[in-house]
Protein backbone atom coordinates (compact mmCIF):
# COMPACT_ATOMS: atom_id res chain seq x y z
CA MET A 1 -0.37 0.03 0.26
CA LYS A 2 2.79 1.97 0.46
CA GLY A 3 4.60 1.63 -2.51
CA PHE A 4 0.81 2.44 -4.57
CA CYS A 5 0.76 5.90 -2.64
CA LYS A 6 4.32 6.51 -3.84
CA SER A 7 3.09 5.58 -7.26
CA HIS A 8 -0.10 7.23 -7.57
CA PRO A 9 -0.10 10.22 -5.45
CA LYS A 10 -2.50 12.14 -7.48
CA PHE A 11 -5.29 8.96 -6.80
CA VAL A 12 -4.57 9.35 -3.34
CA ILE A 13 -5.23 12.61 -2.87
CA ASP A 14 -8.01 12.91 -5.03
CA PHE A 15 -9.48 9.81 -2.67
CA ALA A 16 -8.40 11.66 0.43
CA THR A 17 -10.34 14.58 -0.97
CA VAL A 18 -13.76 12.85 -1.60
CA LEU A 19 -13.39 10.97 1.15
CA THR A 20 -13.09 14.32 3.60
CA ILE A 21 -15.87 15.64 1.87
CA LEU A 22 -18.58 13.50 2.06
CA LEU A 23 -17.71 12.37 5.71
CA SER A 24 -17.86 16.33 6.61
CA PHE A 25 -21.27 16.43 5.33
CA LEU A 26 -22.32 13.24 6.81
CA SER A 27 -20.76 14.45 10.27
CA ALA A 28 -22.52 18.06 9.90
CA LEU A 29 -25.67 16.27 9.15
CA PHE A 30 -25.58 14.01 11.74
CA TYR A 31 -24.51 17.01 14.08
CA PHE A 32 -27.16 19.14 13.00
CA SER A 33 -29.90 16.76 12.99
CA LEU A 34 -29.49 15.67 16.78
CA ARG A 35 -29.22 19.77 17.64
CA TRP A 36 -32.70 20.41 15.55
CA LEU A 37 -34.24 17.00 17.50
CA MET A 38 -33.52 17.84 20.76
CA ALA A 39 -34.33 21.74 20.31
CA THR A 40 -37.69 20.63 18.79
CA TRP A 41 -39.11 17.40 20.57
CA SER A 42 -39.28 17.52 24.38
CA GLU A 43 -38.24 14.15 26.37
CA LEU A 44 -37.41 12.47 22.89
CA THR A 45 -36.78 8.77 24.18
CA VAL A 46 -34.94 6.24 22.26
CA ASP A 47 -38.18 3.66 21.82
CA GLU A 48 -39.72 6.91 20.07
CA VAL A 49 -36.22 7.05 17.73
CA LEU A 50 -36.50 3.35 17.06
CA TYR A 51 -39.70 2.76 16.38
CA HIS A 52 -40.04 5.85 13.65
CA LEU A 53 -37.04 4.08 12.18
CA VAL A 54 -38.77 1.33 10.78
CA ALA A 55 -42.19 2.61 10.41
CA PRO A 56 -43.83 3.96 7.54
CA LEU A 57 -42.77 7.88 6.80
CA GLN A 58 -45.58 8.48 4.39
CA GLY A 59 -47.36 11.55 5.01
CA SER A 60 -45.19 13.20 7.21
CA SER A 61 -45.80 16.84 8.02
CA ALA A 62 -44.64 19.35 5.05
CA ALA A 63 -44.11 21.89 7.77
CA MET A 64 -41.67 19.34 9.98
CA VAL A 65 -40.01 18.52 6.53
CA ARG A 66 -39.35 22.27 5.98
CA GLU A 67 -37.95 22.60 9.28
CA TYR A 68 -35.72 19.63 9.16
CA ILE A 69 -34.35 21.17 5.95
CA LEU A 70 -34.02 24.64 7.19
CA HIS A 71 -32.29 23.75 10.64
CA ALA A 72 -30.13 20.11 9.37
CA LEU A 73 -29.86 19.70 5.82
CA LEU A 74 -29.01 23.35 5.04
CA PRO A 75 -26.56 24.13 7.14
CA SER A 76 -24.72 20.76 6.15
CA ILE A 77 -24.95 21.46 2.91
CA ILE A 78 -24.00 25.20 3.87
CA LEU A 79 -20.50 23.68 5.49
CA THR A 80 -19.75 21.12 2.95
CA VAL A 81 -19.60 23.69 0.31
CA ILE A 82 -17.40 26.16 1.86
CA ILE A 83 -15.05 23.08 2.73
CA ILE A 84 -15.02 22.59 -0.94
CA THR A 85 -14.29 25.82 -1.68
CA ILE A 86 -11.42 26.40 0.53
CA PHE A 87 -10.26 22.94 -1.21
CA ALA A 88 -10.40 24.16 -4.68
CA ILE A 89 -8.62 27.66 -3.23
CA ILE A 90 -5.45 25.88 -1.76
CA ARG A 91 -5.51 23.02 -4.28
CA GLY A 92 -1.87 22.22 -5.52
CA LYS A 93 -0.44 24.20 -2.99
CA ARG A 94 1.92 23.21 -0.35
CA PRO A 95 -0.64 23.03 2.76
CA TYR A 96 -3.24 21.24 1.05
CA ARG A 97 -2.63 17.74 1.91
CA HIS A 98 -2.25 19.05 5.67
CA VAL A 99 -5.50 21.16 5.53
CA VAL A 100 -7.58 17.74 4.26
CA LEU A 101 -5.73 15.59 6.81
CA ALA A 102 -6.93 18.17 9.37
CA THR A 103 -10.43 18.93 8.20
CA LEU A 104 -10.76 14.71 8.31
CA VAL A 105 -9.63 14.81 11.63
CA ALA A 106 -12.01 17.32 13.10
CA THR A 107 -14.73 15.45 11.06
CA PHE A 108 -14.02 12.43 13.30
CA PHE A 109 -14.00 14.40 16.36
CA THR A 110 -16.91 16.34 15.23
CA SER A 111 -19.08 13.09 14.61
CA GLY A 112 -17.88 11.74 18.22
CA TYR A 113 -18.64 14.64 20.19
CA THR A 114 -22.23 14.03 18.58
CA VAL A 115 -22.35 10.23 19.55
CA TYR A 116 -20.96 11.45 23.24
CA ASP A 117 -23.90 14.29 23.48
CA ALA A 118 -26.53 11.91 22.04
CA TRP A 119 -25.56 9.71 24.52
CA ASP A 120 -26.07 11.96 27.13
CA ASP A 121 -29.37 13.57 25.70
CA LEU A 122 -31.43 10.83 24.78
CA ASP A 123 -29.87 8.52 28.14
CA ILE A 124 -29.07 5.90 25.78
CA GLY A 125 -26.58 4.55 28.48
CA THR A 126 -29.52 3.81 30.47
CA TYR A 127 -32.02 2.36 27.38
CA ILE A 128 -28.91 -0.09 27.25
CA SER A 129 -28.35 -1.02 30.21
CA SER A 130 -32.24 -1.65 30.66
CA GLN A 131 -32.67 -3.82 27.70
CA PHE A 132 -29.93 -6.25 29.52
CA GLU A 133 -31.92 -5.89 32.57
CA ARG A 134 -34.97 -8.18 32.74
CA SER A 135 -38.18 -7.24 34.82
CA ASP A 136 -41.05 -9.67 34.88
CA PHE A 137 -43.33 -6.64 35.70
CA ILE A 138 -45.59 -6.49 32.38
CA ASP A 139 -45.17 -10.47 32.53
CA THR A 140 -46.60 -10.83 35.84
CA ASN A 141 -49.31 -7.96 35.59
CA TYR A 142 -50.51 -8.38 32.07
CA VAL A 143 -53.90 -9.66 32.37
CA ASP A 144 -54.92 -11.16 28.86
CA PRO A 145 -58.32 -10.68 27.45
CA LYS A 146 -58.31 -13.81 26.38
CA THR A 147 -58.79 -15.02 29.63
CA VAL A 148 -61.11 -12.76 31.41
CA LYS A 149 -65.23 -13.50 30.64
CA LEU A 150 -66.46 -9.95 29.06
CA THR A 151 -70.33 -9.77 29.33
CA PHE A 152 -71.63 -6.90 26.79
CA PRO A 153 -75.37 -5.28 27.72
CA GLU A 154 -77.78 -6.49 25.18
CA LYS A 155 -78.14 -3.79 23.70
CA LYS A 156 -74.67 -2.57 22.48
CA ARG A 157 -73.36 1.06 23.18
CA ASN A 158 -71.87 3.31 20.50
CA LEU A 159 -68.86 4.45 20.83
CA ILE A 160 -67.06 7.78 19.86
CA TYR A 161 -63.35 7.90 20.68
CA ILE A 162 -61.76 10.99 20.03
CA PHE A 163 -57.63 11.18 20.17
CA MET A 164 -56.52 14.66 20.91
CA GLU A 165 -53.02 15.29 19.34
CA SER A 166 -50.56 16.11 22.04
CA THR A 167 -53.62 17.62 24.51
CA GLU A 168 -52.62 17.62 28.01
CA LEU A 169 -53.82 19.23 31.46
CA THR A 170 -51.03 21.50 31.38
CA PHE A 171 -52.45 23.92 29.58
CA MET A 172 -54.89 24.77 31.96
CA ASP A 173 -54.70 27.25 34.70
CA GLU A 174 -53.95 26.28 38.51
CA SER A 175 -57.25 26.05 39.20
CA PHE A 176 -57.73 22.98 37.51
CA GLY A 177 -54.66 21.48 38.02
CA GLY A 178 -52.89 22.50 35.02
CA ALA A 179 -49.25 24.50 35.09
CA TRP A 180 -50.49 27.86 32.99
CA ASP A 181 -51.32 31.24 34.51
CA GLU A 182 -54.34 31.48 31.75
CA ASN A 183 -56.03 28.68 31.00
CA LEU A 184 -55.77 27.33 27.36
CA MET A 185 -58.78 25.44 27.08
CA PRO A 186 -61.73 26.47 29.11
CA GLU A 187 -64.16 24.56 26.98
CA LEU A 188 -62.38 21.48 27.81
CA SER A 189 -62.22 22.44 31.48
CA ALA A 190 -65.75 23.14 31.87
CA LEU A 191 -66.63 19.85 29.82
CA SER A 192 -64.36 17.49 32.31
CA LYS A 193 -65.92 18.98 35.44
CA ASN A 194 -69.43 18.00 34.08
CA ASN A 195 -68.59 14.67 33.11
CA GLU A 196 -65.93 11.64 34.31
CA ASP A 197 -62.42 12.25 34.46
CA PHE A 198 -61.58 9.96 37.92
CA ARG A 199 -61.08 12.81 39.90
CA GLY A 200 -63.00 11.86 42.66
CA ALA A 201 -64.15 14.84 45.01
CA SER A 202 -60.82 16.99 43.98
CA GLU A 203 -61.43 20.31 42.14
CA ALA A 204 -58.23 19.67 40.24
CA LEU A 205 -58.96 17.59 37.44
CA ASP A 206 -57.65 14.26 36.22
CA GLY A 207 -55.83 12.46 33.62
CA GLY A 208 -53.76 9.67 32.36
CA TYR A 209 -50.21 9.33 32.85
CA ALA A 210 -48.29 8.54 29.39
CA MET A 211 -45.67 5.72 30.71
CA PRO A 212 -42.49 4.89 28.20
CA GLY A 213 -43.57 3.30 24.83
CA ALA A 214 -46.63 5.42 25.07
CA THR A 215 -45.09 9.16 24.18
CA TRP A 216 -45.95 9.56 20.49
CA THR A 217 -48.95 8.99 18.38
CA MET A 218 -48.73 5.67 17.08
CA GLY A 219 -47.40 4.54 20.65
CA ALA A 220 -50.70 6.18 22.92
CA MET A 221 -52.89 4.73 20.41
CA PHE A 222 -51.71 1.53 20.95
CA ALA A 223 -51.30 1.73 24.83
CA GLU A 224 -55.27 3.03 24.72
CA THR A 225 -56.28 0.40 22.83
CA SER A 226 -54.40 -2.65 24.31
CA GLY A 227 -53.27 -1.66 27.61
CA LEU A 228 -49.17 -2.28 26.85
CA PRO A 229 -46.29 -0.08 25.96
CA LEU A 230 -45.46 -0.09 22.28
CA LYS A 231 -42.06 -1.67 22.87
CA ILE A 232 -40.29 -3.30 19.67
CA SER A 233 -37.95 -5.15 18.42
CA ILE A 234 -36.59 -3.73 14.92
CA ASP A 235 -36.02 -7.01 13.11
CA GLN A 236 -39.58 -8.21 13.78
CA ASN A 237 -41.28 -5.00 13.16
CA ALA A 238 -40.14 -3.40 10.07
CA MET A 239 -43.81 -1.83 9.75
CA ASP A 240 -43.27 -0.43 5.83
CA SER A 241 -43.29 -4.75 5.29
CA GLN A 242 -45.64 -6.22 7.20
CA LYS A 243 -49.33 -7.94 7.50
CA SER A 244 -49.65 -7.95 10.78
CA PHE A 245 -48.88 -5.79 14.15
CA PHE A 246 -48.33 -7.54 17.38
CA PRO A 247 -50.61 -10.24 15.95
CA SER A 248 -51.44 -12.27 19.40
CA VAL A 249 -52.66 -9.05 20.94
CA GLU A 250 -55.77 -8.73 21.94
CA THR A 251 -57.51 -5.00 21.85
CA ILE A 252 -60.33 -3.36 21.93
CA GLY A 253 -60.95 -3.35 18.36
CA ASP A 254 -60.74 -7.20 17.96
CA LEU A 255 -63.39 -7.13 20.96
CA LEU A 256 -65.94 -4.77 19.42
CA HIS A 257 -65.60 -6.41 16.21
CA ARG A 258 -66.48 -10.05 17.27
CA GLU A 259 -69.80 -8.32 18.82
CA GLY A 260 -70.58 -6.86 15.87
CA TYR A 261 -69.51 -3.25 15.80
CA THR A 262 -68.92 -1.32 12.64
CA GLN A 263 -65.32 0.10 13.09
CA GLU A 264 -64.01 2.88 11.39
CA LEU A 265 -60.88 5.43 11.95
CA MET A 266 -61.11 8.88 10.76
CA LEU A 267 -57.77 11.15 10.11
CA GLY A 268 -56.61 13.81 8.35
CA SER A 269 -53.35 12.58 7.94
CA VAL A 270 -52.29 9.92 5.78
CA GLY A 271 -53.27 6.61 7.78
CA TYR A 272 -49.95 4.63 6.65
CA PHE A 273 -47.70 7.09 8.82
CA GLY A 274 -46.33 5.14 11.65
CA GLY A 275 -48.18 2.09 11.01
CA ARG A 276 -51.75 3.01 12.17
CA LYS A 277 -53.51 2.30 9.22
CA LEU A 278 -51.85 -1.75 9.59
CA TYR A 279 -52.60 -1.69 13.39
CA PHE A 280 -56.47 -0.53 13.12
CA GLN A 281 -56.73 -2.69 9.73
CA THR A 282 -55.39 -6.19 11.53
CA HIS A 283 -57.17 -5.61 14.79
CA GLY A 284 -60.82 -4.81 14.48
CA ASN A 285 -61.12 -4.54 10.49
CA TYR A 286 -61.49 -0.69 11.16
CA THR A 287 -62.21 1.12 7.88
CA ILE A 288 -59.45 4.06 7.53
CA LYS A 289 -60.81 7.39 6.28
CA ASP A 290 -57.72 9.30 6.21
CA TYR A 291 -56.56 11.90 4.22
CA SER A 292 -56.09 9.98 0.97
CA PHE A 293 -59.65 8.52 1.54
CA TRP A 294 -61.34 11.83 1.64
CA LYS A 295 -59.38 13.20 -1.59
CA ARG A 296 -60.53 10.64 -3.45
CA GLN A 297 -64.31 11.35 -2.25
CA HIS A 298 -63.57 14.62 -3.73
CA LYS A 299 -64.05 16.66 -0.59
CA PHE A 300 -61.19 18.75 -1.32
CA PRO A 301 -58.73 19.77 -4.51
CA SER A 302 -56.69 16.96 -5.41
CA ASP A 303 -53.59 19.33 -4.79
CA TYR A 304 -55.02 20.67 -1.02
CA PHE A 305 -52.17 19.61 1.62
CA VAL A 306 -52.10 21.91 4.81
CA ASN A 307 -49.86 20.69 7.91
CA TRP A 308 -49.93 16.66 7.79
CA GLY A 309 -53.00 16.70 5.50
CA PHE A 310 -56.52 18.26 6.02
CA GLU A 311 -57.42 20.39 9.02
CA ASP A 312 -59.47 19.48 12.00
CA ARG A 313 -62.29 21.61 10.94
CA LYS A 314 -62.78 19.26 8.22
CA LEU A 315 -62.36 15.90 10.17
CA TYR A 316 -65.14 17.46 12.64
CA GLU A 317 -67.57 18.12 9.62
CA TYR A 318 -66.53 14.90 7.94
CA ALA A 319 -67.41 12.79 10.98
CA LYS A 320 -70.87 14.27 11.21
CA GLU A 321 -71.40 12.78 7.81
CA GLU A 322 -70.12 9.52 8.57
CA LEU A 323 -72.55 9.30 12.38
CA LYS A 324 -75.25 9.82 10.10
CA HIS A 325 -74.47 6.52 8.15
CA LEU A 326 -73.29 4.66 11.12
CA SER A 327 -76.27 5.57 12.96
CA GLU A 328 -78.70 4.70 9.81
CA LYS A 329 -77.13 1.03 10.41
CA ASN A 330 -78.76 -1.82 12.23
CA GLN A 331 -75.53 -1.78 13.88
CA PRO A 332 -73.39 -0.61 16.97
CA PHE A 333 -70.80 1.33 15.61
CA ASN A 334 -66.99 2.48 17.01
CA LEU A 335 -65.99 5.89 15.27
CA THR A 336 -62.15 6.47 16.36
CA MET A 337 -60.99 9.99 15.45
CA LEU A 338 -57.16 11.55 15.63
CA THR A 339 -56.61 15.04 15.78
CA VAL A 340 -53.63 17.14 13.94
CA ASP A 341 -53.88 20.75 14.74
CA THR A 342 -52.65 20.54 17.86
CA HIS A 343 -48.92 18.55 16.55
CA PHE A 344 -46.23 20.41 16.99
CA PRO A 345 -44.37 22.52 16.57
CA ASN A 346 -46.88 25.65 16.90
CA GLY A 347 -49.52 23.80 15.67
CA TYR A 348 -51.52 24.74 12.67
CA VAL A 349 -53.88 27.99 12.60
CA CYS A 350 -57.01 27.45 10.87
CA PRO A 351 -59.57 29.98 10.04
CA LEU A 352 -61.36 29.62 13.49
CA CYS A 353 -58.39 30.23 15.34
CA PRO A 354 -58.14 33.28 17.78
CA ASP A 355 -55.86 35.78 17.94
CA THR A 356 -55.98 35.78 21.67
CA TYR A 357 -52.30 35.27 23.15
CA ASP A 358 -48.96 36.25 21.87
CA GLU A 359 -48.02 32.62 21.02
CA GLN A 360 -49.29 30.82 18.01
CA TYR A 361 -49.67 27.40 19.68
CA ALA A 362 -51.74 29.00 22.42
CA ASN A 363 -54.03 30.19 20.13
CA VAL A 364 -54.25 26.82 18.27
CA TYR A 365 -54.80 25.09 21.88
CA ALA A 366 -57.58 27.92 21.92
CA CYS A 367 -59.55 26.49 18.99
CA ALA A 368 -58.86 22.91 19.50
CA SER A 369 -60.72 23.31 22.82
CA LYS A 370 -63.65 25.00 21.22
CA GLN A 371 -63.88 22.81 18.55
CA VAL A 372 -64.38 19.73 20.02
CA VAL A 373 -66.74 20.83 22.77
CA ASP A 374 -68.73 22.48 19.75
CA PHE A 375 -69.00 18.56 18.36
CA VAL A 376 -69.97 17.08 21.56
CA ARG A 377 -72.43 19.66 22.19
CA TRP A 378 -74.02 18.50 18.72
CA ALA A 379 -73.40 15.22 19.35
CA GLN A 380 -75.77 15.50 22.13
CA THR A 381 -78.59 16.72 20.20
CA GLN A 382 -78.69 13.36 17.75
CA ASP A 383 -80.86 10.43 17.85
CA TRP A 384 -78.52 8.34 18.74
CA TYR A 385 -76.68 10.22 21.43
CA PRO A 386 -78.46 8.68 24.29
CA ASP A 387 -76.96 5.42 23.52
CA THR A 388 -73.34 6.49 22.79
CA THR A 389 -70.42 7.20 24.79
CA ILE A 390 -68.29 9.50 24.09
CA VAL A 391 -64.39 9.53 24.96
CA ILE A 392 -61.94 12.29 24.47
CA SER A 393 -58.40 11.61 25.34
CA GLY A 394 -54.77 13.11 24.45
CA ASP A 395 -52.80 10.90 22.59
CA HIS A 396 -49.78 12.58 25.03
CA PRO A 397 -48.29 15.38 26.40
CA THR A 398 -46.86 17.75 23.24
CA MET A 399 -43.10 17.35 22.28
CA ASP A 400 -42.61 20.90 21.81
CA HIS A 401 -39.77 21.62 24.15
CA ASN A 402 -40.40 25.83 23.77
CA PHE A 403 -43.74 25.89 24.30
CA CYS A 404 -43.35 24.12 28.04
CA LYS A 405 -39.81 25.86 28.97
CA ASN A 406 -41.90 27.50 31.70
CA VAL A 407 -43.47 23.88 33.10
CA PRO A 408 -41.51 23.14 36.93
CA GLU A 409 -39.59 20.12 36.39
CA ASP A 410 -41.96 18.64 39.34
CA TYR A 411 -45.02 19.21 37.87
CA VAL A 412 -46.65 15.71 36.38
CA ARG A 413 -48.18 16.11 33.00
CA LYS A 414 -50.77 14.40 32.25
CA VAL A 415 -52.87 13.79 29.14
CA TYR A 416 -56.43 15.31 29.06
CA THR A 417 -59.12 12.44 29.51
CA VAL A 418 -63.21 12.68 30.06
CA TYR A 419 -65.90 9.76 29.84
CA ILE A 420 -69.35 11.27 28.65
CA ASN A 421 -72.55 9.60 28.44
CA ALA A 422 -71.44 6.75 30.48
CA PRO A 423 -74.06 4.16 31.99
CA VAL A 424 -72.14 3.67 34.90
CA GLN A 425 -70.30 5.54 37.65
CA PRO A 426 -67.25 5.26 39.99
CA GLU A 427 -67.41 3.18 42.63
CA THR A 428 -65.19 5.45 44.87
CA GLU A 429 -64.63 8.99 45.25
CA ASP A 430 -60.86 9.15 45.18
CA TYR A 431 -58.35 10.98 43.01
CA ARG A 432 -57.17 8.02 40.88
CA ASP A 433 -53.63 7.88 39.75
CA TYR A 434 -53.73 6.14 36.43
CA THR A 435 -51.98 5.88 32.94
CA THR A 436 -53.23 5.72 29.44
CA PHE A 437 -52.75 1.62 30.03
CA ASP A 438 -56.44 1.73 32.02
CA ALA A 439 -58.13 3.71 29.17
CA PHE A 440 -58.12 0.08 27.77
CA PRO A 441 -60.90 -1.33 30.53
CA THR A 442 -62.07 1.88 31.23
CA THR A 443 -63.67 2.19 27.80
CA LEU A 444 -65.28 -0.84 27.65
CA ALA A 445 -66.67 -0.38 31.24
CA SER A 446 -68.26 2.88 29.92
CA LEU A 447 -69.79 0.86 26.97
CA GLY A 448 -71.33 -1.03 29.79
CA VAL A 449 -69.57 -4.04 29.55
CA SER A 450 -69.15 -6.30 32.71
CA ILE A 451 -65.47 -6.96 33.38
CA GLU A 452 -63.98 -10.06 35.65
CA GLY A 453 -61.54 -8.86 37.84
CA ASN A 454 -61.82 -5.05 36.42
CA ARG A 455 -58.43 -5.07 34.59
CA LEU A 456 -57.30 -5.75 31.36
CA GLY A 457 -53.97 -5.55 29.80
CA LEU A 458 -51.67 -3.48 32.23
CA GLY A 459 -55.15 -1.40 32.47
CA THR A 460 -57.59 -1.17 35.18
CA ASN A 461 -61.59 0.17 34.94
CA LEU A 462 -61.45 3.46 36.74
CA PHE A 463 -65.00 2.98 37.34
CA SER A 464 -64.20 0.05 39.65
CA LYS A 465 -62.39 -0.04 42.97
CA GLU A 466 -59.81 -1.89 41.99
CA LYS A 467 -56.03 -0.24 42.52
CA THR A 468 -54.35 0.79 39.09
CA LEU A 469 -50.42 -0.19 39.04
CA SER A 470 -49.59 3.12 39.51
CA GLU A 471 -51.73 3.08 42.74
CA ARG A 472 -49.87 -0.37 43.86
CA PHE A 473 -46.57 -0.22 43.15
CA GLY A 474 -46.33 3.48 42.78
CA ARG A 475 -45.72 5.57 39.31
CA ASP A 476 -41.93 5.76 39.34
CA TYR A 477 -41.20 1.90 40.27
CA GLU A 478 -44.12 1.09 37.37
CA LYS A 479 -42.19 3.35 34.72
CA GLY A 480 -38.64 2.09 35.79
CA GLU A 481 -39.91 -1.47 35.02
CA ILE A 482 -41.67 -0.99 31.61
CA GLU A 483 -38.60 0.75 30.60
CA LYS A 484 -36.79 -2.52 31.23
CA LYS A 485 -36.85 -5.54 28.40
CA SER A 486 -39.75 -7.67 28.92
CA GLU A 487 -40.25 -11.14 27.53
CA LEU A 488 -43.81 -11.28 27.26
CA MET A 489 -43.65 -8.21 24.96
CA VAL A 490 -40.62 -10.02 22.98
CA LYS A 491 -43.20 -13.10 22.66
CA LEU A 492 -46.03 -11.03 21.77
CA GLY A 493 -43.93 -9.14 19.08
CA GLN A 494 -43.03 -12.19 17.29
CA ILE A 495 -44.11 -12.64 13.98
CA ASP A 496 -43.87 -15.66 11.70
CA LYS A 497 -42.08 -13.89 8.80
CA ALA A 498 -42.91 -16.37 6.14
CA ALA A 499 -46.78 -15.88 6.67
CA ALA A 500 -46.33 -11.98 7.68
CA ILE A 501 -44.06 -10.40 5.17
CA GLU A 502 -45.41 -9.37 1.69
CA SER A 503 -43.17 -7.88 -0.98
CA LYS A 504 -43.20 -4.16 -1.15
CA GLU A 505 -44.17 -4.67 -4.72
CA ALA A 506 -47.09 -6.65 -3.82
CA LYS A 507 -47.85 -4.38 -1.47
CA GLU A 508 -48.00 -1.55 -3.80
CA LEU A 509 -50.12 -2.94 -6.38
CA LYS A 510 -52.58 -3.71 -3.75
CA GLU A 511 -52.82 -0.67 -2.81
CA LYS A 512 -52.94 0.53 -6.55
CA GLU A 513 -55.86 -1.51 -6.97
CA GLU A 514 -57.97 -0.86 -3.67
CA SER A 515 -57.50 3.43 -5.43
CA LYS A 516 -58.94 2.25 -8.86
CA LYS A 517 -61.88 0.50 -6.99
CA ALA A 518 -62.28 3.31 -4.78
CA ALA A 519 -62.03 5.85 -7.66
CA GLU A 520 -64.29 3.71 -9.91
CA GLN A 521 -66.94 3.38 -7.40
CA THR A 522 -67.15 7.16 -6.64
């Protein structure tokens, strides 16, 4: 090799130059990407990063893509151009080799620093150690719905379940248990006061705590409908090439499907993102009515795309139409909705949004509060309402770091939670300490379902006196144990690859056929 370098000096220098430029770009992109992630996301977790590395990213917000390009990709390109310019100016001069070598060393130094920074910010050390540290907490406390006797009422109730993006109690004032000086969501506050959030006799509102594995949208939806954290094995869960999503787990969708419910998932973004379409289709045979579906119905121009797809005011409008059709069928229904306007950063300002506050995100939350309560009030005037339970739940706390910078570190952030028109009342007046896992059995109970033992998944029926896992073991202990490796979660996540994996080509062909069929029907 030494002889080769002497006989081909120009080739070696050219190779070193190209390598240095490439590594400089990648190192800069790595550095700026991490800085952007940590400045944008609040309490980003390794579980979430790993999940989105293998989950479909179709339908990502255009605003998020622009933010990434502006704060990570563009600076990396500019820095790389500067390096190329310097190389071009001094090429052929004596210090050229030394400058290339120094740049290469700086690249490795920057990459090393970024790794160290990521290790510290994401607490990767704790995550890795937790993967080697096994816990039987989930294994011991998980209650498989297949083993529990569930008794549905003779006349089954309808369910409207609204996941409100990034909506938490934090943004109410202290009189309601929030952390803000001013209540950004007065309509939602009043709704909770007049309905059930399991605060007992307390004046402060109550809500679910998002445990590890439930702090991003798909993780939250999985947690609230299965009572489990979304802890995946990367090699088993490449969501863009699977036909199943935790196939052996019994969810609320599976249970209601067997009881004859018509089920729909409505959302203003693209269903494939994060594996949401896959999950709800394979657990309850939900009809997915997402951005792509409504575009095919010509509800808006084909080039219309704002935020993550279309705004929540359209979602509520379309939901009213869907509820009219669903209520005309001779079957109970489950309409599950996911809002999107309050997604960080800063949320989406629609024509209905007020201009009350200095911060855009605050105005978006105020608008979201009014819209969802207006929708509930509309529902309460419909003929089908007496036989319908409405559940409104934040999916997870917001990830907007800057918006929450003034929230005290010791404040416990919980998602907004309320049960409306349930046929049962809580058996205790205690202020409950609960997580979003508890939504699974509690939602069934709110439909009048009798649950043997009052527990499903890791959740507890909050209408009962049965203690939640947080009340039995303490929230911090439960959180620490859930972060560790669970043999049960590994087993539940395993799939028969030969049966479950289909080629991307076959999947694309299937999607084209579905789109063509839908267009013909339209």
